[in-house]
Amino acid sequence: MGVFCSGSVLFQGSGHKCMAIPHMTTEQVTLCGRIKQLGYSCGGQVQLYGERFDLISDPFCVGDDCVLVDALEQRSGHARRVRIPVNIVRMAKEQHRAA
């Protein structure tokens, strides 16, 4: 069963909607772009919270400091919505202020 992205909606299997990604402000879109540049983009692999993940979405904001990404756990293959660590979000915000 495959998982793929189409616009702002994540689909699993034969096209059944799995998770919706919320609309973001211009500032949030910029923040997520910087987080993508740090390696948290669709198709990447990361280790977070002691688990290895294959990222199946780009990062998206659900609050000022809450940035999430949809991912597949490598060990179990389960789809999860994972929070980007706050220190990564802060680093991306500081890069934005310095630019």
PDB file of N, CA and C in Angstrom:
ATOM      1  N   MET A   1       0.853  -1.174   0.000  1.00  0.00           N
ATOM      2  CA  MET A   1       0.000   0.000   0.000  1.00  0.00           C
ATOM      3  C   MET A   1       0.894   1.230   0.000  1.00  0.00           C
ATOM      4  N   GLY A   2       0.752   2.110  -0.980  1.00  0.00           N
ATOM      5  CA  GLY A   2       1.590   3.299  -1.079  1.00  0.00           C
ATOM      6  C   GLY A   2       0.952   4.516  -0.444  1.00  0.00           C
ATOM      7  N   VAL A   3       1.800   5.463  -0.122  1.00  0.00           N
ATOM      8  CA  VAL A   3       1.356   6.741   0.432  1.00  0.00           C
ATOM      9  C   VAL A   3       1.913   7.821  -0.476  1.00  0.00           C
ATOM     10  N   PHE A   4       1.100   8.788  -0.848  1.00  0.00           N
ATOM     11  CA  PHE A   4       1.569   9.849  -1.718  1.00  0.00           C
ATOM     12  C   PHE A   4       0.884  11.161  -1.374  1.00  0.00           C
ATOM     13  N   CYS A   5       1.506  12.262  -1.824  1.00  0.00           N
ATOM     14  CA  CYS A   5       0.984  13.598  -1.550  1.00  0.00           C
ATOM     15  C   CYS A   5       0.321  14.158  -2.802  1.00  0.00           C
ATOM     16  N   SER A   6      -0.726  14.916  -2.599  1.00  0.00           N
ATOM     17  CA  SER A   6      -1.386  15.621  -3.683  1.00  0.00           C
ATOM     18  C   SER A   6      -1.839  16.966  -3.140  1.00  0.00           C
ATOM     19  N   GLY A   7      -1.107  18.020  -3.475  1.00  0.00           N
ATOM     20  CA  GLY A   7      -1.442  19.335  -2.936  1.00  0.00           C
ATOM     21  C   GLY A   7      -1.248  19.354  -1.440  1.00  0.00           C
ATOM     22  N   SER A   8      -2.299  19.706  -0.704  1.00  0.00           N
ATOM     23  CA  SER A   8      -2.177  19.803   0.745  1.00  0.00           C
ATOM     24  C   SER A   8      -2.860  18.651   1.461  1.00  0.00           C
ATOM     25  N   VAL A   9      -3.141  17.561   0.747  1.00  0.00           N
ATOM     26  CA  VAL A   9      -3.814  16.416   1.360  1.00  0.00           C
ATOM     27  C   VAL A   9      -2.958  15.177   1.172  1.00  0.00           C
ATOM     28  N   LEU A  10      -2.820  14.394   2.211  1.00  0.00           N
ATOM     29  CA  LEU A  10      -2.062  13.157   2.163  1.00  0.00           C
ATOM     30  C   LEU A  10      -3.005  12.012   1.884  1.00  0.00           C
ATOM     31  N   PHE A  11      -2.659  11.153   0.941  1.00  0.00           N
ATOM     32  CA  PHE A  11      -3.483  10.009   0.590  1.00  0.00           C
ATOM     33  C   PHE A  11      -2.732   8.728   0.900  1.00  0.00           C
ATOM     34  N   GLN A  12      -3.467   7.666   1.189  1.00  0.00           N
ATOM     35  CA  GLN A  12      -2.851   6.379   1.449  1.00  0.00           C
ATOM     36  C   GLN A  12      -3.576   5.325   0.628  1.00  0.00           C
ATOM     37  N   GLY A  13      -2.810   4.378   0.107  1.00  0.00           N
ATOM     38  CA  GLY A  13      -3.405   3.278  -0.642  1.00  0.00           C
ATOM     39  C   GLY A  13      -3.963   3.729  -1.972  1.00  0.00           C
ATOM     40  N   SER A  14      -5.214   3.405  -2.221  1.00  0.00           N
ATOM     41  CA  SER A  14      -5.821   3.652  -3.525  1.00  0.00           C
ATOM     42  C   SER A  14      -6.478   5.019  -3.621  1.00  0.00           C
ATOM     43  N   GLY A  15      -5.988   5.996  -2.850  1.00  0.00           N
ATOM     44  CA  GLY A  15      -6.511   7.351  -2.967  1.00  0.00           C
ATOM     45  C   GLY A  15      -7.460   7.751  -1.869  1.00  0.00           C
ATOM     46  N   HIS A  16      -7.542   6.993  -0.792  1.00  0.00           N
ATOM     47  CA  HIS A  16      -8.400   7.381   0.327  1.00  0.00           C
ATOM     48  C   HIS A  16      -7.727   8.476   1.130  1.00  0.00           C
ATOM     49  N   LYS A  17      -8.460   9.560   1.380  1.00  0.00           N
ATOM     50  CA  LYS A  17      -7.881  10.676   2.127  1.00  0.00           C
ATOM     51  C   LYS A  17      -7.508  10.208   3.522  1.00  0.00           C
ATOM     52  N   CYS A  18      -6.290  10.541   3.934  1.00  0.00           N
ATOM     53  CA  CYS A  18      -5.777  10.085   5.226  1.00  0.00           C
ATOM     54  C   CYS A  18      -5.681  11.253   6.204  1.00  0.00           C
ATOM     55  N   MET A  19      -4.964  12.315   5.853  1.00  0.00           N
ATOM     56  CA  MET A  19      -4.776  13.452   6.753  1.00  0.00           C
ATOM     57  C   MET A  19      -4.793  14.736   5.931  1.00  0.00           C
ATOM     58  N   ALA A  20      -5.476  15.753   6.423  1.00  0.00           N
ATOM     59  CA  ALA A  20      -5.489  17.046   5.752  1.00  0.00           C
ATOM     60  C   ALA A  20      -4.454  17.960   6.390  1.00  0.00           C
ATOM     61  N   ILE A  21      -3.826  18.792   5.583  1.00  0.00           N
ATOM     62  CA  ILE A  21      -2.837  19.746   6.063  1.00  0.00           C
ATOM     63  C   ILE A  21      -3.500  21.115   6.091  1.00  0.00           C
ATOM     64  N   PRO A  22      -3.418  21.824   7.241  1.00  0.00           N
ATOM     65  CA  PRO A  22      -4.113  23.106   7.371  1.00  0.00           C
ATOM     66  C   PRO A  22      -3.509  24.208   6.508  1.00  0.00           C
ATOM     67  N   HIS A  23      -4.310  25.246   6.248  1.00  0.00           N
ATOM     68  CA  HIS A  23      -3.823  26.430   5.540  1.00  0.00           C
ATOM     69  C   HIS A  23      -2.882  27.195   6.457  1.00  0.00           C
ATOM     70  N   MET A  24      -1.872  27.859   5.862  1.00  0.00           N
ATOM     71  CA  MET A  24      -0.878  28.566   6.650  1.00  0.00           C
ATOM     72  C   MET A  24      -0.776  30.018   6.206  1.00  0.00           C
ATOM     73  N   THR A  25      -0.322  30.862   7.132  1.00  0.00           N
ATOM     74  CA  THR A  25      -0.058  32.268   6.811  1.00  0.00           C
ATOM     75  C   THR A  25       1.229  32.352   5.995  1.00  0.00           C
ATOM     76  N   THR A  26       1.492  33.510   5.405  1.00  0.00           N
ATOM     77  CA  THR A  26       2.715  33.724   4.638  1.00  0.00           C
ATOM     78  C   THR A  26       3.944  33.514   5.512  1.00  0.00           C
ATOM     79  N   GLU A  27       3.902  33.989   6.741  1.00  0.00           N
ATOM     80  CA  GLU A  27       5.026  33.816   7.670  1.00  0.00           C
ATOM     81  C   GLU A  27       5.254  32.333   7.976  1.00  0.00           C
ATOM     82  N   GLN A  28       4.186  31.584   8.153  1.00  0.00           N
ATOM     83  CA  GLN A  28       4.309  30.150   8.426  1.00  0.00           C
ATOM     84  C   GLN A  28       4.861  29.404   7.214  1.00  0.00           C
ATOM     85  N   VAL A  29       4.452  29.802   6.016  1.00  0.00           N
ATOM     86  CA  VAL A  29       4.967  29.183   4.796  1.00  0.00           C
ATOM     87  C   VAL A  29       6.472  29.431   4.694  1.00  0.00           C
ATOM     88  N   THR A  30       6.916  30.646   5.008  1.00  0.00           N
ATOM     89  CA  THR A  30       8.339  30.985   4.991  1.00  0.00           C
ATOM     90  C   THR A  30       9.097  30.147   6.010  1.00  0.00           C
ATOM     91  N   LEU A  31       8.548  30.027   7.225  1.00  0.00           N
ATOM     92  CA  LEU A  31       9.170  29.220   8.272  1.00  0.00           C
ATOM     93  C   LEU A  31       9.319  27.767   7.809  1.00  0.00           C
ATOM     94  N   CYS A  32       8.278  27.217   7.237  1.00  0.00           N
ATOM     95  CA  CYS A  32       8.325  25.822   6.774  1.00  0.00           C
ATOM     96  C   CYS A  32       9.336  25.653   5.646  1.00  0.00           C
ATOM     97  N   GLY A  33       9.488  26.665   4.801  1.00  0.00           N
ATOM     98  CA  GLY A  33      10.502  26.627   3.750  1.00  0.00           C
ATOM     99  C   GLY A  33      11.900  26.541   4.334  1.00  0.00           C
ATOM    100  N   ARG A  34      12.135  27.265   5.406  1.00  0.00           N
ATOM    101  CA  ARG A  34      13.448  27.219   6.067  1.00  0.00           C
ATOM    102  C   ARG A  34      13.673  25.862   6.731  1.00  0.00           C
ATOM    103  N   ILE A  35      12.625  25.293   7.297  1.00  0.00           N
ATOM    104  CA  ILE A  35      12.740  23.969   7.914  1.00  0.00           C
ATOM    105  C   ILE A  35      13.020  22.915   6.839  1.00  0.00           C
ATOM    106  N   LYS A  36      12.421  23.069   5.669  1.00  0.00           N
ATOM    107  CA  LYS A  36      12.711  22.166   4.553  1.00  0.00           C
ATOM    108  C   LYS A  36      14.192  22.232   4.191  1.00  0.00           C
ATOM    109  N   GLN A  37      14.757  23.446   4.194  1.00  0.00           N
ATOM    110  CA  GLN A  37      16.175  23.626   3.871  1.00  0.00           C
ATOM    111  C   GLN A  37      17.079  22.943   4.903  1.00  0.00           C
ATOM    112  N   LEU A  38      16.573  22.727   6.104  1.00  0.00           N
ATOM    113  CA  LEU A  38      17.332  22.047   7.149  1.00  0.00           C
ATOM    114  C   LEU A  38      17.240  20.517   7.024  1.00  0.00           C
ATOM    115  N   GLY A  39      16.527  20.028   6.003  1.00  0.00           N
ATOM    116  CA  GLY A  39      16.488  18.595   5.739  1.00  0.00           C
ATOM    117  C   GLY A  39      15.184  17.900   6.073  1.00  0.00           C
ATOM    118  N   TYR A  40      14.172  18.658   6.458  1.00  0.00           N
ATOM    119  CA  TYR A  40      12.878  18.061   6.814  1.00  0.00           C
ATOM    120  C   TYR A  40      11.897  18.250   5.667  1.00  0.00           C
ATOM    121  N   SER A  41      12.206  17.631   4.513  1.00  0.00           N
ATOM    122  CA  SER A  41      11.323  17.785   3.354  1.00  0.00           C
ATOM    123  C   SER A  41      10.842  16.418   2.879  1.00  0.00           C
ATOM    124  N   CYS A  42       9.764  16.429   2.142  1.00  0.00           N
ATOM    125  CA  CYS A  42       9.160  15.206   1.614  1.00  0.00           C
ATOM    126  C   CYS A  42      10.207  14.396   0.858  1.00  0.00           C
ATOM    127  N   GLY A  43      10.273  13.117   1.175  1.00  0.00           N
ATOM    128  CA  GLY A  43      11.242  12.238   0.545  1.00  0.00           C
ATOM    129  C   GLY A  43      12.499  12.043   1.368  1.00  0.00           C
ATOM    130  N   GLY A  44      12.685  12.865   2.406  1.00  0.00           N
ATOM    131  CA  GLY A  44      13.861  12.749   3.253  1.00  0.00           C
ATOM    132  C   GLY A  44      13.696  11.693   4.331  1.00  0.00           C
ATOM    133  N   GLN A  45      14.779  11.433   5.022  1.00  0.00           N
ATOM    134  CA  GLN A  45      14.769  10.516   6.154  1.00  0.00           C
ATOM    135  C   GLN A  45      15.372  11.236   7.350  1.00  0.00           C
ATOM    136  N   VAL A  46      14.745  11.075   8.518  1.00  0.00           N
ATOM    137  CA  VAL A  46      15.234  11.710   9.739  1.00  0.00           C
ATOM    138  C   VAL A  46      15.097  10.748  10.909  1.00  0.00           C
ATOM    139  N   GLN A  47      15.848  11.050  11.953  1.00  0.00           N
ATOM    140  CA  GLN A  47      15.683  10.338  13.208  1.00  0.00           C
ATOM    141  C   GLN A  47      15.181  11.346  14.226  1.00  0.00           C
ATOM    142  N   LEU A  48      14.007  11.074  14.775  1.00  0.00           N
ATOM    143  CA  LEU A  48      13.383  11.938  15.780  1.00  0.00           C
ATOM    144  C   LEU A  48      12.832  11.074  16.892  1.00  0.00           C
ATOM    145  N   TYR A  49      13.046  11.525  18.117  1.00  0.00           N
ATOM    146  CA  TYR A  49      12.455  10.851  19.276  1.00  0.00           C
ATOM    147  C   TYR A  49      12.799   9.363  19.325  1.00  0.00           C
ATOM    148  N   GLY A  50      14.032   9.019  18.918  1.00  0.00           N
ATOM    149  CA  GLY A  50      14.484   7.634  18.971  1.00  0.00           C
ATOM    150  C   GLY A  50      13.966   6.742  17.862  1.00  0.00           C
ATOM    151  N   GLU A  51      13.271   7.293  16.892  1.00  0.00           N
ATOM    152  CA  GLU A  51      12.717   6.517  15.776  1.00  0.00           C
ATOM    153  C   GLU A  51      13.245   7.068  14.457  1.00  0.00           C
ATOM    154  N   ARG A  52      13.372   6.210  13.448  1.00  0.00           N
ATOM    155  CA  ARG A  52      13.742   6.639  12.098  1.00  0.00           C
ATOM    156  C   ARG A  52      12.470   6.745  11.260  1.00  0.00           C
ATOM    157  N   PHE A  53      12.383   7.833  10.494  1.00  0.00           N
ATOM    158  CA  PHE A  53      11.188   8.112   9.702  1.00  0.00           C
ATOM    159  C   PHE A  53      11.546   8.429   8.260  1.00  0.00           C
ATOM    160  N   ASP A  54      10.674   8.013   7.339  1.00  0.00           N
ATOM    161  CA  ASP A  54      10.691   8.462   5.952  1.00  0.00           C
ATOM    162  C   ASP A  54       9.630   9.553   5.858  1.00  0.00           C
ATOM    163  N   LEU A  55      10.034  10.756   5.459  1.00  0.00           N
ATOM    164  CA  LEU A  55       9.088  11.874   5.410  1.00  0.00           C
ATOM    165  C   LEU A  55       8.236  11.786   4.154  1.00  0.00           C
ATOM    166  N   ILE A  56       6.925  11.894   4.338  1.00  0.00           N
ATOM    167  CA  ILE A  56       5.987  11.785   3.215  1.00  0.00           C
ATOM    168  C   ILE A  56       5.200  13.074   3.010  1.00  0.00           C
ATOM    169  N   SER A  57       5.615  14.135   3.709  1.00  0.00           N
ATOM    170  CA  SER A  57       5.056  15.458   3.457  1.00  0.00           C
ATOM    171  C   SER A  57       6.125  16.487   3.771  1.00  0.00           C
ATOM    172  N   ASP A  58       5.912  17.684   3.301  1.00  0.00           N
ATOM    173  CA  ASP A  58       6.742  18.805   3.718  1.00  0.00           C
ATOM    174  C   ASP A  58       6.207  19.289   5.063  1.00  0.00           C
ATOM    175  N   PRO A  59       7.014  20.030   5.820  1.00  0.00           N
ATOM    176  CA  PRO A  59       6.539  20.531   7.110  1.00  0.00           C
ATOM    177  C   PRO A  59       5.379  21.508   6.942  1.00  0.00           C
ATOM    178  N   PHE A  60       4.524  21.571   7.962  1.00  0.00           N
ATOM    179  CA  PHE A  60       3.404  22.512   7.968  1.00  0.00           C
ATOM    180  C   PHE A  60       3.143  22.949   9.402  1.00  0.00           C
ATOM    181  N   CYS A  61       2.633  24.166   9.549  1.00  0.00           N
ATOM    182  CA  CYS A  61       2.391  24.761  10.864  1.00  0.00           C
ATOM    183  C   CYS A  61       0.949  24.548  11.295  1.00  0.00           C
ATOM    184  N   VAL A  62       0.777  24.264  12.566  1.00  0.00           N
ATOM    185  CA  VAL A  62      -0.552  24.223  13.167  1.00  0.00           C
ATOM    186  C   VAL A  62      -0.632  25.223  14.322  1.00  0.00           C
ATOM    187  N   GLY A  63       0.405  26.010  14.505  1.00  0.00           N
ATOM    188  CA  GLY A  63       0.481  27.043  15.536  1.00  0.00           C
ATOM    189  C   GLY A  63       1.784  27.790  15.357  1.00  0.00           C
ATOM    190  N   ASP A  64       2.026  28.777  16.218  1.00  0.00           N
ATOM    191  CA  ASP A  64       3.231  29.600  16.077  1.00  0.00           C
ATOM    192  C   ASP A  64       4.518  28.790  16.174  1.00  0.00           C
ATOM    193  N   ASP A  65       4.613  27.903  17.124  1.00  0.00           N
ATOM    194  CA  ASP A  65       5.827  27.107  17.315  1.00  0.00           C
ATOM    195  C   ASP A  65       5.592  25.617  17.105  1.00  0.00           C
ATOM    196  N   CYS A  66       4.442  25.249  16.568  1.00  0.00           N
ATOM    197  CA  CYS A  66       4.123  23.839  16.369  1.00  0.00           C
ATOM    198  C   CYS A  66       4.156  23.523  14.875  1.00  0.00           C
ATOM    199  N   VAL A  67       5.235  22.859  14.468  1.00  0.00           N
ATOM    200  CA  VAL A  67       5.414  22.476  13.070  1.00  0.00           C
ATOM    201  C   VAL A  67       5.423  20.953  13.021  1.00  0.00           C
ATOM    202  N   LEU A  68       4.628  20.398  12.125  1.00  0.00           N
ATOM    203  CA  LEU A  68       4.492  18.952  12.002  1.00  0.00           C
ATOM    204  C   LEU A  68       4.922  18.495  10.620  1.00  0.00           C
ATOM    205  N   VAL A  69       5.158  17.200  10.514  1.00  0.00           N
ATOM    206  CA  VAL A  69       5.449  16.573   9.234  1.00  0.00           C
ATOM    207  C   VAL A  69       4.818  15.182   9.269  1.00  0.00           C
ATOM    208  N   ASP A  70       4.278  14.744   8.145  1.00  0.00           N
ATOM    209  CA  ASP A  70       3.746  13.391   8.051  1.00  0.00           C
ATOM    210  C   ASP A  70       4.890  12.473   7.664  1.00  0.00           C
ATOM    211  N   ALA A  71       4.948  11.304   8.319  1.00  0.00           N
ATOM    212  CA  ALA A  71       6.078  10.402   8.117  1.00  0.00           C
ATOM    213  C   ALA A  71       5.651   8.954   8.288  1.00  0.00           C
ATOM    214  N   LEU A  72       6.464   8.064   7.737  1.00  0.00           N
ATOM    215  CA  LEU A  72       6.290   6.634   7.933  1.00  0.00           C
ATOM    216  C   LEU A  72       7.395   6.142   8.864  1.00  0.00           C
ATOM    217  N   GLU A  73       7.003   5.456   9.929  1.00  0.00           N
ATOM    218  CA  GLU A  73       7.997   4.827  10.795  1.00  0.00           C
ATOM    219  C   GLU A  73       8.684   3.739   9.993  1.00  0.00           C
ATOM    220  N   GLN A  74      10.006   3.758   9.945  1.00  0.00           N
ATOM    221  CA  GLN A  74      10.711   2.737   9.164  1.00  0.00           C
ATOM    222  C   GLN A  74      10.522   1.351   9.762  1.00  0.00           C
ATOM    223  N   ARG A  75      10.481   1.267  11.079  1.00  0.00           N
ATOM    224  CA  ARG A  75      10.388  -0.044  11.728  1.00  0.00           C
ATOM    225  C   ARG A  75       9.033  -0.707  11.492  1.00  0.00           C
ATOM    226  N   SER A  76       7.951   0.057  11.689  1.00  0.00           N
ATOM    227  CA  SER A  76       6.607  -0.534  11.607  1.00  0.00           C
ATOM    228  C   SER A  76       5.892  -0.263  10.290  1.00  0.00           C
ATOM    229  N   GLY A  77       6.302   0.795   9.578  1.00  0.00           N
ATOM    230  CA  GLY A  77       5.618   1.174   8.350  1.00  0.00           C
ATOM    231  C   GLY A  77       4.355   1.983   8.576  1.00  0.00           C
ATOM    232  N   HIS A  78       4.053   2.322   9.836  1.00  0.00           N
ATOM    233  CA  HIS A  78       2.849   3.100  10.150  1.00  0.00           C
ATOM    234  C   HIS A  78       3.051   4.585   9.831  1.00  0.00           C
ATOM    235  N   ALA A  79       2.002   5.204   9.291  1.00  0.00           N
ATOM    236  CA  ALA A  79       2.012   6.645   9.049  1.00  0.00           C
ATOM    237  C   ALA A  79       1.763   7.375  10.359  1.00  0.00           C
ATOM    238  N   ARG A  80       2.571   8.403  10.613  1.00  0.00           N
ATOM    239  CA  ARG A  80       2.424   9.208  11.830  1.00  0.00           C
ATOM    240  C   ARG A  80       2.606  10.672  11.492  1.00  0.00           C
ATOM    241  N   ARG A  81       1.984  11.505  12.268  1.00  0.00           N
ATOM    242  CA  ARG A  81       2.188  12.944  12.189  1.00  0.00           C
ATOM    243  C   ARG A  81       3.147  13.281  13.332  1.00  0.00           C
ATOM    244  N   VAL A  82       4.338  13.781  12.987  1.00  0.00           N
ATOM    245  CA  VAL A  82       5.412  13.971  13.948  1.00  0.00           C
ATOM    246  C   VAL A  82       5.735  15.451  14.091  1.00  0.00           C
ATOM    247  N   ARG A  83       5.923  15.894  15.323  1.00  0.00           N
ATOM    248  CA  ARG A  83       6.266  17.291  15.575  1.00  0.00           C
ATOM    249  C   ARG A  83       7.761  17.510  15.361  1.00  0.00           C
ATOM    250  N   ILE A  84       8.085  18.571  14.620  1.00  0.00           N
ATOM    251  CA  ILE A  84       9.480  18.977  14.460  1.00  0.00           C
ATOM    252  C   ILE A  84       9.932  19.539  15.808  1.00  0.00           C
ATOM    253  N   PRO A  85      11.098  19.135  16.318  1.00  0.00           N
ATOM    254  CA  PRO A  85      11.550  19.633  17.621  1.00  0.00           C
ATOM    255  C   PRO A  85      11.613  21.163  17.674  1.00  0.00           C
ATOM    256  N   VAL A  86      11.266  21.705  18.829  1.00  0.00           N
ATOM    257  CA  VAL A  86      11.195  23.159  19.013  1.00  0.00           C
ATOM    258  C   VAL A  86      12.538  23.823  18.711  1.00  0.00           C
ATOM    259  N   ASN A  87      13.653  23.168  19.054  1.00  0.00           N
ATOM    260  CA  ASN A  87      14.953  23.787  18.780  1.00  0.00           C
ATOM    261  C   ASN A  87      15.194  23.952  17.278  1.00  0.00           C
ATOM    262  N   ILE A  88      14.682  23.048  16.460  1.00  0.00           N
ATOM    263  CA  ILE A  88      14.797  23.175  14.999  1.00  0.00           C
ATOM    264  C   ILE A  88      13.924  24.330  14.515  1.00  0.00           C
ATOM    265  N   VAL A  89      12.710  24.442  15.063  1.00  0.00           N
ATOM    266  CA  VAL A  89      11.807  25.542  14.690  1.00  0.00           C
ATOM    267  C   VAL A  89      12.438  26.879  15.065  1.00  0.00           C
ATOM    268  N   ARG A  90      13.006  26.963  16.251  1.00  0.00           N
ATOM    269  CA  ARG A  90      13.658  28.215  16.685  1.00  0.00           C
ATOM    270  C   ARG A  90      14.843  28.560  15.797  1.00  0.00           C
ATOM    271  N   MET A  91      15.636  27.553  15.413  1.00  0.00           N
ATOM    272  CA  MET A  91      16.775  27.789  14.532  1.00  0.00           C
ATOM    273  C   MET A  91      16.299  28.350  13.195  1.00  0.00           C
ATOM    274  N   ALA A  92      15.227  27.805  12.664  1.00  0.00           N
ATOM    275  CA  ALA A  92      14.681  28.289  11.392  1.00  0.00           C
ATOM    276  C   ALA A  92      14.157  29.715  11.530  1.00  0.00           C
ATOM    277  N   LYS A  93      13.529  30.020  12.665  1.00  0.00           N
ATOM    278  CA  LYS A  93      13.039  31.386  12.894  1.00  0.00           C
ATOM    279  C   LYS A  93      14.196  32.367  12.993  1.00  0.00           C
ATOM    280  N   GLU A  94      15.293  31.976  13.652  1.00  0.00           N
ATOM    281  CA  GLU A  94      16.451  32.849  13.789  1.00  0.00           C
ATOM    282  C   GLU A  94      17.098  33.092  12.432  1.00  0.00           C
ATOM    283  N   GLN A  95      17.134  32.088  11.564  1.00  0.00           N
ATOM    284  CA  GLN A  95      17.667  32.267  10.214  1.00  0.00           C
ATOM    285  C   GLN A  95      16.828  33.293   9.456  1.00  0.00           C
ATOM    286  N   HIS A  96      15.517  33.258   9.664  1.00  0.00           N
ATOM    287  CA  HIS A  96      14.617  34.188   8.987  1.00  0.00           C
ATOM    288  C   HIS A  96      14.884  35.616   9.456  1.00  0.00           C
ATOM    289  N   ARG A  97      15.075  35.798  10.758  1.00  0.00           N
ATOM    290  CA  ARG A  97      15.344  37.138  11.299  1.00  0.00           C
ATOM    291  C   ARG A  97      16.682  37.679  10.828  1.00  0.00           C
ATOM    292  N   ALA A  98      17.674  36.798  10.683  1.00  0.00           N
ATOM    293  CA  ALA A  98      19.017  37.215  10.262  1.00  0.00           C
ATOM    294  C   ALA A  98      19.079  37.544   8.780  1.00  0.00           C
ATOM    295  N   ALA A  99      18.156  37.007   8.004  1.00  0.00           N
ATOM    296  CA  ALA A  99      18.187  37.214   6.542  1.00  0.00           C
ATOM    297  C   ALA A  99      17.743  38.600   6.153  1.00  0.00           C
TER     298      ALA A  99
END
